[in-house]
Amino acid sequence: MTIGGFFTAIIFGAIIGALGRLIVPGKQDMAIWLTVVVGIIAAFLGTGVAHLFGLRTHGWNFWETLFQIVFAVIGVYLVATFWPKKTTQH
């Protein structure tokens, strides 16, 4: 992976993760870095599933993007449900 590809993955992961957070109902107590990580993982998983179905994965593809967003929604939901909550100490 090149440096450009690395930064592209971070930017695209942030976008996909943000879309996942917008779709999941309620307030998610997640850090922004965690949203980006979920988005990056979702982007890789969505691309992998699209590739398994024999879809074109170079350039923009509707189905690939849809798979990525679905994985982001699942990831955001799981992280928001199972990630330890911050506790405030006074």
PDB file of N, CA and C in Angstrom:
ATOM      1  N   MET A   1       0.856  -1.176   0.000  1.00  0.00           N
ATOM      2  CA  MET A   1       0.000   0.000   0.000  1.00  0.00           C
ATOM      3  C   MET A   1       0.897   1.232   0.000  1.00  0.00           C
ATOM      4  N   THR A   2       0.589   2.161  -0.868  1.00  0.00           N
ATOM      5  CA  THR A   2       1.367   3.397  -0.954  1.00  0.00           C
ATOM      6  C   THR A   2       0.904   4.387   0.104  1.00  0.00           C
ATOM      7  N   ILE A   3       1.677   5.454   0.267  1.00  0.00           N
ATOM      8  CA  ILE A   3       1.298   6.506   1.217  1.00  0.00           C
ATOM      9  C   ILE A   3      -0.037   7.123   0.795  1.00  0.00           C
ATOM     10  N   GLY A   4      -0.206   7.358  -0.497  1.00  0.00           N
ATOM     11  CA  GLY A   4      -1.470   7.906  -0.994  1.00  0.00           C
ATOM     12  C   GLY A   4      -2.638   6.976  -0.717  1.00  0.00           C
ATOM     13  N   GLY A   5      -2.413   5.678  -0.890  1.00  0.00           N
ATOM     14  CA  GLY A   5      -3.459   4.703  -0.607  1.00  0.00           C
ATOM     15  C   GLY A   5      -3.796   4.648   0.866  1.00  0.00           C
ATOM     16  N   PHE A   6      -2.793   4.834   1.714  1.00  0.00           N
ATOM     17  CA  PHE A   6      -3.011   4.846   3.154  1.00  0.00           C
ATOM     18  C   PHE A   6      -3.897   6.018   3.558  1.00  0.00           C
ATOM     19  N   PHE A   7      -3.584   7.219   3.060  1.00  0.00           N
ATOM     20  CA  PHE A   7      -4.389   8.390   3.387  1.00  0.00           C
ATOM     21  C   PHE A   7      -5.781   8.306   2.774  1.00  0.00           C
ATOM     22  N   THR A   8      -5.883   7.737   1.587  1.00  0.00           N
ATOM     23  CA  THR A   8      -7.189   7.541   0.966  1.00  0.00           C
ATOM     24  C   THR A   8      -8.044   6.598   1.800  1.00  0.00           C
ATOM     25  N   ALA A   9      -7.439   5.535   2.327  1.00  0.00           N
ATOM     26  CA  ALA A   9      -8.176   4.588   3.174  1.00  0.00           C
ATOM     27  C   ALA A   9      -8.679   5.281   4.437  1.00  0.00           C
ATOM     28  N   ILE A  10      -7.869   6.169   5.020  1.00  0.00           N
ATOM     29  CA  ILE A  10      -8.295   6.882   6.223  1.00  0.00           C
ATOM     30  C   ILE A  10      -9.456   7.821   5.911  1.00  0.00           C
ATOM     31  N   ILE A  11      -9.352   8.573   4.830  1.00  0.00           N
ATOM     32  CA  ILE A  11     -10.406   9.518   4.465  1.00  0.00           C
ATOM     33  C   ILE A  11     -11.690   8.768   4.104  1.00  0.00           C
ATOM     34  N   PHE A  12     -11.556   7.738   3.273  1.00  0.00           N
ATOM     35  CA  PHE A  12     -12.730   6.981   2.871  1.00  0.00           C
ATOM     36  C   PHE A  12     -13.330   6.244   4.066  1.00  0.00           C
ATOM     37  N   GLY A  13     -12.476   5.734   4.961  1.00  0.00           N
ATOM     38  CA  GLY A  13     -12.963   5.082   6.171  1.00  0.00           C
ATOM     39  C   GLY A  13     -13.736   6.037   7.057  1.00  0.00           C
ATOM     40  N   ALA A  14     -13.263   7.289   7.148  1.00  0.00           N
ATOM     41  CA  ALA A  14     -13.975   8.288   7.948  1.00  0.00           C
ATOM     42  C   ALA A  14     -15.352   8.564   7.351  1.00  0.00           C
ATOM     43  N   ILE A  15     -15.424   8.642   6.036  1.00  0.00           N
ATOM     44  CA  ILE A  15     -16.709   8.900   5.374  1.00  0.00           C
ATOM     45  C   ILE A  15     -17.660   7.721   5.574  1.00  0.00           C
ATOM     46  N   ILE A  16     -17.183   6.505   5.340  1.00  0.00           N
ATOM     47  CA  ILE A  16     -18.021   5.314   5.491  1.00  0.00           C
ATOM     48  C   ILE A  16     -18.448   5.152   6.949  1.00  0.00           C
ATOM     49  N   GLY A  17     -17.526   5.379   7.885  1.00  0.00           N
ATOM     50  CA  GLY A  17     -17.870   5.293   9.307  1.00  0.00           C
ATOM     51  C   GLY A  17     -18.895   6.330   9.715  1.00  0.00           C
ATOM     52  N   ALA A  18     -18.748   7.554   9.191  1.00  0.00           N
ATOM     53  CA  ALA A  18     -19.716   8.614   9.506  1.00  0.00           C
ATOM     54  C   ALA A  18     -21.092   8.260   8.948  1.00  0.00           C
ATOM     55  N   LEU A  19     -21.134   7.702   7.750  1.00  0.00           N
ATOM     56  CA  LEU A  19     -22.427   7.269   7.194  1.00  0.00           C
ATOM     57  C   LEU A  19     -23.048   6.186   8.065  1.00  0.00           C
ATOM     58  N   GLY A  20     -22.227   5.270   8.550  1.00  0.00           N
ATOM     59  CA  GLY A  20     -22.728   4.227   9.446  1.00  0.00           C
ATOM     60  C   GLY A  20     -23.306   4.817  10.716  1.00  0.00           C
ATOM     61  N   ARG A  21     -22.631   5.840  11.283  1.00  0.00           N
ATOM     62  CA  ARG A  21     -23.139   6.476  12.504  1.00  0.00           C
ATOM     63  C   ARG A  21     -24.421   7.245  12.247  1.00  0.00           C
ATOM     64  N   LEU A  22     -24.558   7.818  11.063  1.00  0.00           N
ATOM     65  CA  LEU A  22     -25.788   8.541  10.727  1.00  0.00           C
ATOM     66  C   LEU A  22     -26.982   7.598  10.608  1.00  0.00           C
ATOM     67  N   ILE A  23     -26.736   6.392  10.139  1.00  0.00           N
ATOM     68  CA  ILE A  23     -27.833   5.453   9.905  1.00  0.00           C
ATOM     69  C   ILE A  23     -28.259   4.749  11.193  1.00  0.00           C
ATOM     70  N   VAL A  24     -27.301   4.444  12.069  1.00  0.00           N
ATOM     71  CA  VAL A  24     -27.636   3.762  13.325  1.00  0.00           C
ATOM     72  C   VAL A  24     -28.413   4.733  14.214  1.00  0.00           C
ATOM     73  N   PRO A  25     -29.610   4.342  14.669  1.00  0.00           N
ATOM     74  CA  PRO A  25     -30.408   5.259  15.489  1.00  0.00           C
ATOM     75  C   PRO A  25     -29.806   5.452  16.884  1.00  0.00           C
ATOM     76  N   GLY A  26     -30.092   6.590  17.457  1.00  0.00           N
ATOM     77  CA  GLY A  26     -29.640   6.880  18.814  1.00  0.00           C
ATOM     78  C   GLY A  26     -28.267   7.524  18.841  1.00  0.00           C
ATOM     79  N   LYS A  27     -27.797   7.793  20.045  1.00  0.00           N
ATOM     80  CA  LYS A  27     -26.490   8.412  20.235  1.00  0.00           C
ATOM     81  C   LYS A  27     -25.463   7.307  20.459  1.00  0.00           C
ATOM     82  N   GLN A  28     -24.382   7.357  19.695  1.00  0.00           N
ATOM     83  CA  GLN A  28     -23.306   6.395  19.873  1.00  0.00           C
ATOM     84  C   GLN A  28     -22.174   7.082  20.637  1.00  0.00           C
ATOM     85  N   ASP A  29     -21.772   6.477  21.734  1.00  0.00           N
ATOM     86  CA  ASP A  29     -20.689   7.017  22.549  1.00  0.00           C
ATOM     87  C   ASP A  29     -19.375   6.429  22.036  1.00  0.00           C
ATOM     88  N   MET A  30     -18.933   6.949  20.877  1.00  0.00           N
ATOM     89  CA  MET A  30     -17.715   6.454  20.227  1.00  0.00           C
ATOM     90  C   MET A  30     -16.785   7.624  19.942  1.00  0.00           C
ATOM     91  N   ALA A  31     -15.501   7.365  20.049  1.00  0.00           N
ATOM     92  CA  ALA A  31     -14.518   8.371  19.661  1.00  0.00           C
ATOM     93  C   ALA A  31     -14.443   8.459  18.140  1.00  0.00           C
ATOM     94  N   ILE A  32     -13.982   9.579  17.651  1.00  0.00           N
ATOM     95  CA  ILE A  32     -13.875   9.754  16.200  1.00  0.00           C
ATOM     96  C   ILE A  32     -12.887   8.756  15.612  1.00  0.00           C
ATOM     97  N   TRP A  33     -11.781   8.499  16.311  1.00  0.00           N
ATOM     98  CA  TRP A  33     -10.806   7.554  15.776  1.00  0.00           C
ATOM     99  C   TRP A  33     -11.418   6.164  15.632  1.00  0.00           C
ATOM    100  N   LEU A  34     -12.323   5.810  16.533  1.00  0.00           N
ATOM    101  CA  LEU A  34     -12.977   4.512  16.467  1.00  0.00           C
ATOM    102  C   LEU A  34     -13.951   4.454  15.286  1.00  0.00           C
ATOM    103  N   THR A  35     -14.599   5.572  14.994  1.00  0.00           N
ATOM    104  CA  THR A  35     -15.468   5.653  13.820  1.00  0.00           C
ATOM    105  C   THR A  35     -14.656   5.428  12.547  1.00  0.00           C
ATOM    106  N   VAL A  36     -13.475   6.034  12.476  1.00  0.00           N
ATOM    107  CA  VAL A  36     -12.609   5.873  11.300  1.00  0.00           C
ATOM    108  C   VAL A  36     -12.155   4.428  11.176  1.00  0.00           C
ATOM    109  N   VAL A  37     -11.771   3.805  12.284  1.00  0.00           N
ATOM    110  CA  VAL A  37     -11.330   2.406  12.243  1.00  0.00           C
ATOM    111  C   VAL A  37     -12.465   1.493  11.782  1.00  0.00           C
ATOM    112  N   VAL A  38     -13.658   1.705  12.314  1.00  0.00           N
ATOM    113  CA  VAL A  38     -14.817   0.910  11.884  1.00  0.00           C
ATOM    114  C   VAL A  38     -15.069   1.126  10.395  1.00  0.00           C
ATOM    115  N   GLY A  39     -14.956   2.374   9.937  1.00  0.00           N
ATOM    116  CA  GLY A  39     -15.163   2.671   8.520  1.00  0.00           C
ATOM    117  C   GLY A  39     -14.128   2.018   7.624  1.00  0.00           C
ATOM    118  N   ILE A  40     -12.867   2.012   8.043  1.00  0.00           N
ATOM    119  CA  ILE A  40     -11.810   1.374   7.246  1.00  0.00           C
ATOM    120  C   ILE A  40     -12.052  -0.124   7.156  1.00  0.00           C
ATOM    121  N   ILE A  41     -12.367  -0.749   8.281  1.00  0.00           N
ATOM    122  CA  ILE A  41     -12.647  -2.192   8.274  1.00  0.00           C
ATOM    123  C   ILE A  41     -13.867  -2.498   7.408  1.00  0.00           C
ATOM    124  N   ALA A  42     -14.904  -1.669   7.527  1.00  0.00           N
ATOM    125  CA  ALA A  42     -16.113  -1.861   6.717  1.00  0.00           C
ATOM    126  C   ALA A  42     -15.810  -1.698   5.233  1.00  0.00           C
ATOM    127  N   ALA A  43     -14.946  -0.753   4.893  1.00  0.00           N
ATOM    128  CA  ALA A  43     -14.594  -0.550   3.487  1.00  0.00           C
ATOM    129  C   ALA A  43     -13.873  -1.771   2.926  1.00  0.00           C
ATOM    130  N   PHE A  44     -12.937  -2.329   3.698  1.00  0.00           N
ATOM    131  CA  PHE A  44     -12.237  -3.527   3.239  1.00  0.00           C
ATOM    132  C   PHE A  44     -13.184  -4.721   3.132  1.00  0.00           C
ATOM    133  N   LEU A  45     -14.060  -4.902   4.127  1.00  0.00           N
ATOM    134  CA  LEU A  45     -15.010  -6.014   4.083  1.00  0.00           C
ATOM    135  C   LEU A  45     -15.987  -5.874   2.914  1.00  0.00           C
ATOM    136  N   GLY A  46     -16.498  -4.664   2.703  1.00  0.00           N
ATOM    137  CA  GLY A  46     -17.423  -4.435   1.595  1.00  0.00           C
ATOM    138  C   GLY A  46     -16.789  -4.693   0.246  1.00  0.00           C
ATOM    139  N   THR A  47     -15.533  -4.278   0.100  1.00  0.00           N
ATOM    140  CA  THR A  47     -14.811  -4.534  -1.149  1.00  0.00           C
ATOM    141  C   THR A  47     -14.583  -6.030  -1.330  1.00  0.00           C
ATOM    142  N   GLY A  48     -14.263  -6.724  -0.230  1.00  0.00           N
ATOM    143  CA  GLY A  48     -14.057  -8.167  -0.315  1.00  0.00           C
ATOM    144  C   GLY A  48     -15.320  -8.908  -0.716  1.00  0.00           C
ATOM    145  N   VAL A  49     -16.451  -8.525  -0.149  1.00  0.00           N
ATOM    146  CA  VAL A  49     -17.721  -9.171  -0.495  1.00  0.00           C
ATOM    147  C   VAL A  49     -18.082  -8.877  -1.954  1.00  0.00           C
ATOM    148  N   ALA A  50     -17.882  -7.632  -2.372  1.00  0.00           N
ATOM    149  CA  ALA A  50     -18.160  -7.287  -3.781  1.00  0.00           C
ATOM    150  C   ALA A  50     -17.281  -8.107  -4.707  1.00  0.00           C
ATOM    151  N   HIS A  51     -16.030  -8.299  -4.324  1.00  0.00           N
ATOM    152  CA  HIS A  51     -15.114  -9.109  -5.135  1.00  0.00           C
ATOM    153  C   HIS A  51     -15.573 -10.570  -5.180  1.00  0.00           C
ATOM    154  N   LEU A  52     -16.068 -11.091  -4.045  1.00  0.00           N
ATOM    155  CA  LEU A  52     -16.566 -12.468  -4.021  1.00  0.00           C
ATOM    156  C   LEU A  52     -17.761 -12.664  -4.948  1.00  0.00           C
ATOM    157  N   PHE A  53     -18.590 -11.624  -5.085  1.00  0.00           N
ATOM    158  CA  PHE A  53     -19.741 -11.694  -5.979  1.00  0.00           C
ATOM    159  C   PHE A  53     -19.372 -11.413  -7.427  1.00  0.00           C
ATOM    160  N   GLY A  54     -18.097 -11.175  -7.683  1.00  0.00           N
ATOM    161  CA  GLY A  54     -17.636 -10.935  -9.045  1.00  0.00           C
ATOM    162  C   GLY A  54     -17.932  -9.544  -9.559  1.00  0.00           C
ATOM    163  N   LEU A  55     -18.182  -8.608  -8.653  1.00  0.00           N
ATOM    164  CA  LEU A  55     -18.456  -7.234  -9.073  1.00  0.00           C
ATOM    165  C   LEU A  55     -17.151  -6.486  -9.312  1.00  0.00           C
ATOM    166  N   ARG A  56     -17.213  -5.483 -10.145  1.00  0.00           N
ATOM    167  CA  ARG A  56     -16.052  -4.651 -10.434  1.00  0.00           C
ATOM    168  C   ARG A  56     -15.707  -3.860  -9.175  1.00  0.00           C
ATOM    169  N   THR A  57     -14.437  -3.930  -8.762  1.00  0.00           N
ATOM    170  CA  THR A  57     -14.031  -3.237  -7.548  1.00  0.00           C
ATOM    171  C   THR A  57     -13.024  -2.126  -7.831  1.00  0.00           C
ATOM    172  N   HIS A  58     -12.839  -1.770  -9.088  1.00  0.00           N
ATOM    173  CA  HIS A  58     -11.967  -0.642  -9.436  1.00  0.00           C
ATOM    174  C   HIS A  58     -12.856   0.538  -9.777  1.00  0.00           C
ATOM    175  N   GLY A  59     -12.552   1.701  -9.215  1.00  0.00           N
ATOM    176  CA  GLY A  59     -13.415   2.856  -9.429  1.00  0.00           C
ATOM    177  C   GLY A  59     -14.628   2.767  -8.519  1.00  0.00           C
ATOM    178  N   TRP A  60     -15.651   3.537  -8.827  1.00  0.00           N
ATOM    179  CA  TRP A  60     -16.839   3.556  -7.994  1.00  0.00           C
ATOM    180  C   TRP A  60     -17.833   2.509  -8.470  1.00  0.00           C
ATOM    181  N   ASN A  61     -18.428   1.792  -7.534  1.00  0.00           N
ATOM    182  CA  ASN A  61     -19.429   0.780  -7.832  1.00  0.00           C
ATOM    183  C   ASN A  61     -20.521   0.904  -6.775  1.00  0.00           C
ATOM    184  N   PHE A  62     -21.766   1.009  -7.214  1.00  0.00           N
ATOM    185  CA  PHE A  62     -22.901   1.165  -6.297  1.00  0.00           C
ATOM    186  C   PHE A  62     -22.977   0.035  -5.285  1.00  0.00           C
ATOM    187  N   TRP A  63     -22.899  -1.205  -5.743  1.00  0.00           N
ATOM    188  CA  TRP A  63     -23.068  -2.351  -4.850  1.00  0.00           C
ATOM    189  C   TRP A  63     -21.929  -2.460  -3.855  1.00  0.00           C
ATOM    190  N   GLU A  64     -20.722  -2.185  -4.305  1.00  0.00           N
ATOM    191  CA  GLU A  64     -19.579  -2.208  -3.395  1.00  0.00           C
ATOM    192  C   GLU A  64     -19.761  -1.169  -2.282  1.00  0.00           C
ATOM    193  N   THR A  65     -20.187   0.027  -2.656  1.00  0.00           N
ATOM    194  CA  THR A  65     -20.413   1.082  -1.676  1.00  0.00           C
ATOM    195  C   THR A  65     -21.542   0.699  -0.723  1.00  0.00           C
ATOM    196  N   LEU A  66     -22.588   0.088  -1.245  1.00  0.00           N
ATOM    197  CA  LEU A  66     -23.698  -0.357  -0.400  1.00  0.00           C
ATOM    198  C   LEU A  66     -23.225  -1.403   0.611  1.00  0.00           C
ATOM    199  N   PHE A  67     -22.422  -2.366   0.166  1.00  0.00           N
ATOM    200  CA  PHE A  67     -21.872  -3.373   1.083  1.00  0.00           C
ATOM    201  C   PHE A  67     -21.024  -2.700   2.168  1.00  0.00           C
ATOM    202  N   GLN A  68     -20.224  -1.722   1.784  1.00  0.00           N
ATOM    203  CA  GLN A  68     -19.371  -1.029   2.744  1.00  0.00           C
ATOM    204  C   GLN A  68     -20.207  -0.298   3.804  1.00  0.00           C
ATOM    205  N   ILE A  69     -21.258   0.357   3.362  1.00  0.00           N
ATOM    206  CA  ILE A  69     -22.117   1.085   4.302  1.00  0.00           C
ATOM    207  C   ILE A  69     -22.841   0.106   5.225  1.00  0.00           C
ATOM    208  N   VAL A  70     -23.299  -1.018   4.694  1.00  0.00           N
ATOM    209  CA  VAL A  70     -23.975  -2.030   5.528  1.00  0.00           C
ATOM    210  C   VAL A  70     -23.007  -2.547   6.592  1.00  0.00           C
ATOM    211  N   PHE A  71     -21.772  -2.840   6.203  1.00  0.00           N
ATOM    212  CA  PHE A  71     -20.789  -3.297   7.190  1.00  0.00           C
ATOM    213  C   PHE A  71     -20.479  -2.196   8.202  1.00  0.00           C
ATOM    214  N   ALA A  72     -20.475  -0.934   7.779  1.00  0.00           N
ATOM    215  CA  ALA A  72     -20.238   0.172   8.711  1.00  0.00           C
ATOM    216  C   ALA A  72     -21.376   0.281   9.721  1.00  0.00           C
ATOM    217  N   VAL A  73     -22.611   0.120   9.263  1.00  0.00           N
ATOM    218  CA  VAL A  73     -23.761   0.168  10.169  1.00  0.00           C
ATOM    219  C   VAL A  73     -23.656  -0.963  11.195  1.00  0.00           C
ATOM    220  N   ILE A  74     -23.338  -2.155  10.737  1.00  0.00           N
ATOM    221  CA  ILE A  74     -23.188  -3.293  11.650  1.00  0.00           C
ATOM    222  C   ILE A  74     -22.045  -3.031  12.631  1.00  0.00           C
ATOM    223  N   GLY A  75     -20.921  -2.532  12.119  1.00  0.00           N
ATOM    224  CA  GLY A  75     -19.772  -2.257  12.974  1.00  0.00           C
ATOM    225  C   GLY A  75     -20.057  -1.184  14.006  1.00  0.00           C
ATOM    226  N   VAL A  76     -20.693  -0.092  13.583  1.00  0.00           N
ATOM    227  CA  VAL A  76     -21.022   0.985  14.524  1.00  0.00           C
ATOM    228  C   VAL A  76     -21.987   0.473  15.587  1.00  0.00           C
ATOM    229  N   TYR A  77     -22.967  -0.285  15.189  1.00  0.00           N
ATOM    230  CA  TYR A  77     -23.924  -0.834  16.153  1.00  0.00           C
ATOM    231  C   TYR A  77     -23.216  -1.728  17.174  1.00  0.00           C
ATOM    232  N   LEU A  78     -22.344  -2.625  16.692  1.00  0.00           N
ATOM    233  CA  LEU A  78     -21.644  -3.533  17.590  1.00  0.00           C
ATOM    234  C   LEU A  78     -20.709  -2.788  18.538  1.00  0.00           C
ATOM    235  N   VAL A  79     -19.966  -1.826  18.008  1.00  0.00           N
ATOM    236  CA  VAL A  79     -19.047  -1.067  18.857  1.00  0.00           C
ATOM    237  C   VAL A  79     -19.823  -0.239  19.867  1.00  0.00           C
ATOM    238  N   ALA A  80     -20.890   0.411  19.429  1.00  0.00           N
ATOM    239  CA  ALA A  80     -21.689   1.229  20.352  1.00  0.00           C
ATOM    240  C   ALA A  80     -22.335   0.371  21.437  1.00  0.00           C
ATOM    241  N   THR A  81     -22.637  -0.870  21.124  1.00  0.00           N
ATOM    242  CA  THR A  81     -23.271  -1.759  22.091  1.00  0.00           C
ATOM    243  C   THR A  81     -22.266  -2.371  23.061  1.00  0.00           C
ATOM    244  N   PHE A  82     -21.119  -2.804  22.555  1.00  0.00           N
ATOM    245  CA  PHE A  82     -20.205  -3.590  23.375  1.00  0.00           C
ATOM    246  C   PHE A  82     -18.950  -2.859  23.836  1.00  0.00           C
ATOM    247  N   TRP A  83     -18.624  -1.694  23.267  1.00  0.00           N
ATOM    248  CA  TRP A  83     -17.430  -0.963  23.677  1.00  0.00           C
ATOM    249  C   TRP A  83     -17.638  -0.419  25.085  1.00  0.00           C
ATOM    250  N   PRO A  84     -16.626  -0.537  25.957  1.00  0.00           N
ATOM    251  CA  PRO A  84     -16.806  -0.028  27.333  1.00  0.00           C
ATOM    252  C   PRO A  84     -17.121   1.459  27.347  1.00  0.00           C
ATOM    253  N   LYS A  85     -18.077   1.819  28.154  1.00  0.00           N
ATOM    254  CA  LYS A  85     -18.493   3.217  28.273  1.00  0.00           C
ATOM    255  C   LYS A  85     -17.508   3.962  29.161  1.00  0.00           C
ATOM    256  N   LYS A  86     -17.376   5.248  28.905  1.00  0.00           N
ATOM    257  CA  LYS A  86     -16.533   6.093  29.756  1.00  0.00           C
ATOM    258  C   LYS A  86     -17.201   6.259  31.107  1.00  0.00           C
ATOM    259  N   THR A  87     -16.431   6.161  32.147  1.00  0.00           N
ATOM    260  CA  THR A  87     -16.966   6.428  33.471  1.00  0.00           C
ATOM    261  C   THR A  87     -16.359   7.725  33.979  1.00  0.00           C
ATOM    262  N   THR A  88     -17.171   8.549  34.569  1.00  0.00           N
ATOM    263  CA  THR A  88     -16.686   9.823  35.086  1.00  0.00           C
ATOM    264  C   THR A  88     -16.344   9.653  36.553  1.00  0.00           C
ATOM    265  N   GLN A  89     -15.180  10.132  36.912  1.00  0.00           N
ATOM    266  CA  GLN A  89     -14.717  10.074  38.292  1.00  0.00           C
ATOM    267  C   GLN A  89     -14.709  11.491  38.851  1.00  0.00           C
ATOM    268  N   HIS A  90     -15.333  11.692  39.975  1.00  0.00           N
ATOM    269  CA  HIS A  90     -15.358  13.029  40.589  1.00  0.00           C
ATOM    270  C   HIS A  90     -14.592  13.014  41.874  1.00  0.00           C
TER     271      HIS A  90
END
